[in-house]
């Protein structure tokens, strides 16, 4: 059984399917946000922004630790969303904000 199916014992098939869809959406969004961060890093906008790099590194490291707890302790799928918000959405938001600020500064010169 999958880790998220252990928490939904005795649940109907529709609840189990909705939880599977929830996990799939969370993982798809996290991959998408990580790809956006990687693209903005390779373009070079945020490669020398030390604050952005530190925020991103700290969020991703703590997100990996929390995700390990979510998987090993068979926590609820809802806790996966908190992990996603802190470890993927927050760094992506900071990265995109940095790209917007840097492009505006370069545009005004």
Protein backbone atom coordinates (compact mmCIF):
# COMPACT_ATOMS: atom_id res chain seq x y z
CA UNK A 1 0.00 0.00 0.00
CA UNK A 2 1.01 3.56 -0.59
CA UNK A 3 1.83 5.76 2.40
CA UNK A 4 -1.27 7.91 1.94
CA UNK A 5 -3.54 4.85 1.70
CA UNK A 6 -2.56 3.65 5.16
CA UNK A 7 -4.14 6.73 6.73
CA UNK A 8 -7.45 6.27 4.93
CA UNK A 9 -8.34 2.81 6.18
CA UNK A 10 -12.00 2.03 5.92
CA UNK A 11 -12.55 4.94 3.55
CA UNK A 12 -14.58 4.60 0.43
CA UNK A 13 -13.01 4.43 -2.99
CA UNK A 14 -14.06 8.00 -3.78
CA UNK A 15 -12.22 9.34 -0.72
CA UNK A 16 -9.16 7.28 -1.57
CA UNK A 17 -9.23 8.55 -5.18
CA UNK A 18 -9.54 12.15 -4.01
CA UNK A 19 -6.51 11.71 -1.73
CA UNK A 20 -4.53 10.20 -4.60
CA UNK A 21 -5.47 13.17 -6.77
CA UNK A 22 -4.44 15.54 -3.96
CA UNK A 23 -1.02 13.92 -3.69
CA UNK A 24 -0.57 13.99 -7.47
CA UNK A 25 -1.48 17.69 -7.67
CA UNK A 26 0.87 18.59 -4.80
CA UNK A 27 3.78 16.71 -6.35
CA UNK A 28 3.10 18.15 -9.82
CA UNK A 29 3.01 21.69 -8.46
CA UNK A 30 6.23 21.17 -6.53
CA UNK A 31 8.03 19.90 -9.64
CA UNK A 32 6.70 22.87 -11.62
CA UNK A 33 7.82 25.40 -9.01
CA UNK A 34 11.25 23.80 -8.76
CA UNK A 35 11.58 23.96 -12.55
CA UNK A 36 10.71 27.67 -12.47
CA UNK A 37 13.38 28.25 -9.85
CA UNK A 38 15.93 26.33 -11.88
CA UNK A 39 15.12 28.27 -15.06
CA UNK A 40 15.45 31.63 -13.32
CA UNK A 41 18.75 30.50 -11.82
CA UNK A 42 20.15 29.42 -15.20
CA UNK A 43 19.00 32.63 -16.88
CA UNK A 44 21.19 34.42 -14.37
CA UNK A 45 18.81 36.82 -12.70
CA UNK A 46 19.17 35.40 -9.21
CA UNK A 47 22.51 33.66 -9.38
CA UNK A 48 24.27 36.39 -7.35
CA UNK A 49 21.37 37.21 -5.01
CA UNK A 50 22.69 35.74 -1.79
CA UNK A 51 19.54 36.36 0.26
CA UNK A 52 17.38 34.58 -2.31
CA UNK A 53 19.79 31.66 -2.41
CA UNK A 54 19.85 31.37 1.37
CA UNK A 55 16.05 31.48 1.65
CA UNK A 56 15.69 28.90 -1.09
CA UNK A 57 18.32 26.59 0.40
CA UNK A 58 16.88 26.75 3.92
CA UNK A 59 13.32 26.16 2.70
CA UNK A 60 14.31 23.21 0.51
CA UNK A 61 16.41 21.55 3.21
CA UNK A 62 13.73 21.91 5.86
CA UNK A 63 11.12 20.78 3.32
CA UNK A 64 13.09 17.61 2.62
CA UNK A 65 13.26 16.85 6.33
CA UNK A 66 9.53 17.48 6.82
CA UNK A 67 8.69 15.41 3.74
CA UNK A 68 10.70 12.53 5.17
CA UNK A 69 8.63 12.74 8.36
CA UNK A 70 5.42 12.87 6.33
CA UNK A 71 6.40 9.74 4.43
CA UNK A 72 7.88 7.76 7.33
CA UNK A 73 5.27 8.59 9.95
CA UNK A 74 2.32 8.17 7.56
CA UNK A 75 0.95 11.59 8.38
CA UNK A 76 -2.17 12.90 6.70
CA UNK A 77 -2.19 14.24 3.18
CA UNK A 78 -3.05 17.68 4.57
CA UNK A 79 0.40 17.92 6.13
CA UNK A 80 1.84 17.44 2.64
CA UNK A 81 0.26 20.76 1.63
CA UNK A 82 1.99 22.57 4.50
CA UNK A 83 5.29 21.06 3.40
CA UNK A 84 4.57 22.13 -0.18
CA UNK A 85 3.70 25.70 0.83
CA UNK A 86 6.86 26.19 2.85
CA UNK A 87 9.40 24.27 0.79
CA UNK A 88 8.24 24.91 -2.79
CA UNK A 89 5.78 27.78 -3.05
CA UNK A 90 7.66 30.20 -0.77
CA UNK A 91 11.05 29.85 -2.54
CA UNK A 92 9.37 30.09 -5.95
CA UNK A 93 7.53 33.24 -4.88
CA UNK A 94 10.74 34.82 -3.56
CA UNK A 95 12.57 33.82 -6.75
CA UNK A 96 9.92 35.33 -9.03
CA UNK A 97 9.80 38.48 -6.89
CA UNK A 98 13.58 38.82 -7.20
CA UNK A 99 13.38 38.36 -10.99
CA UNK A 100 10.71 41.07 -11.23
CA UNK A 101 12.71 43.51 -9.08
CA UNK A 102 15.96 42.90 -10.98
CA UNK A 103 14.28 43.23 -14.38
CA UNK A 104 12.67 46.52 -13.32
CA UNK A 105 16.01 47.85 -12.09
CA UNK A 106 17.68 46.87 -15.38
CA UNK A 107 14.80 48.35 -17.36
CA UNK A 108 15.07 51.73 -15.67
CA UNK A 109 18.76 52.15 -16.56
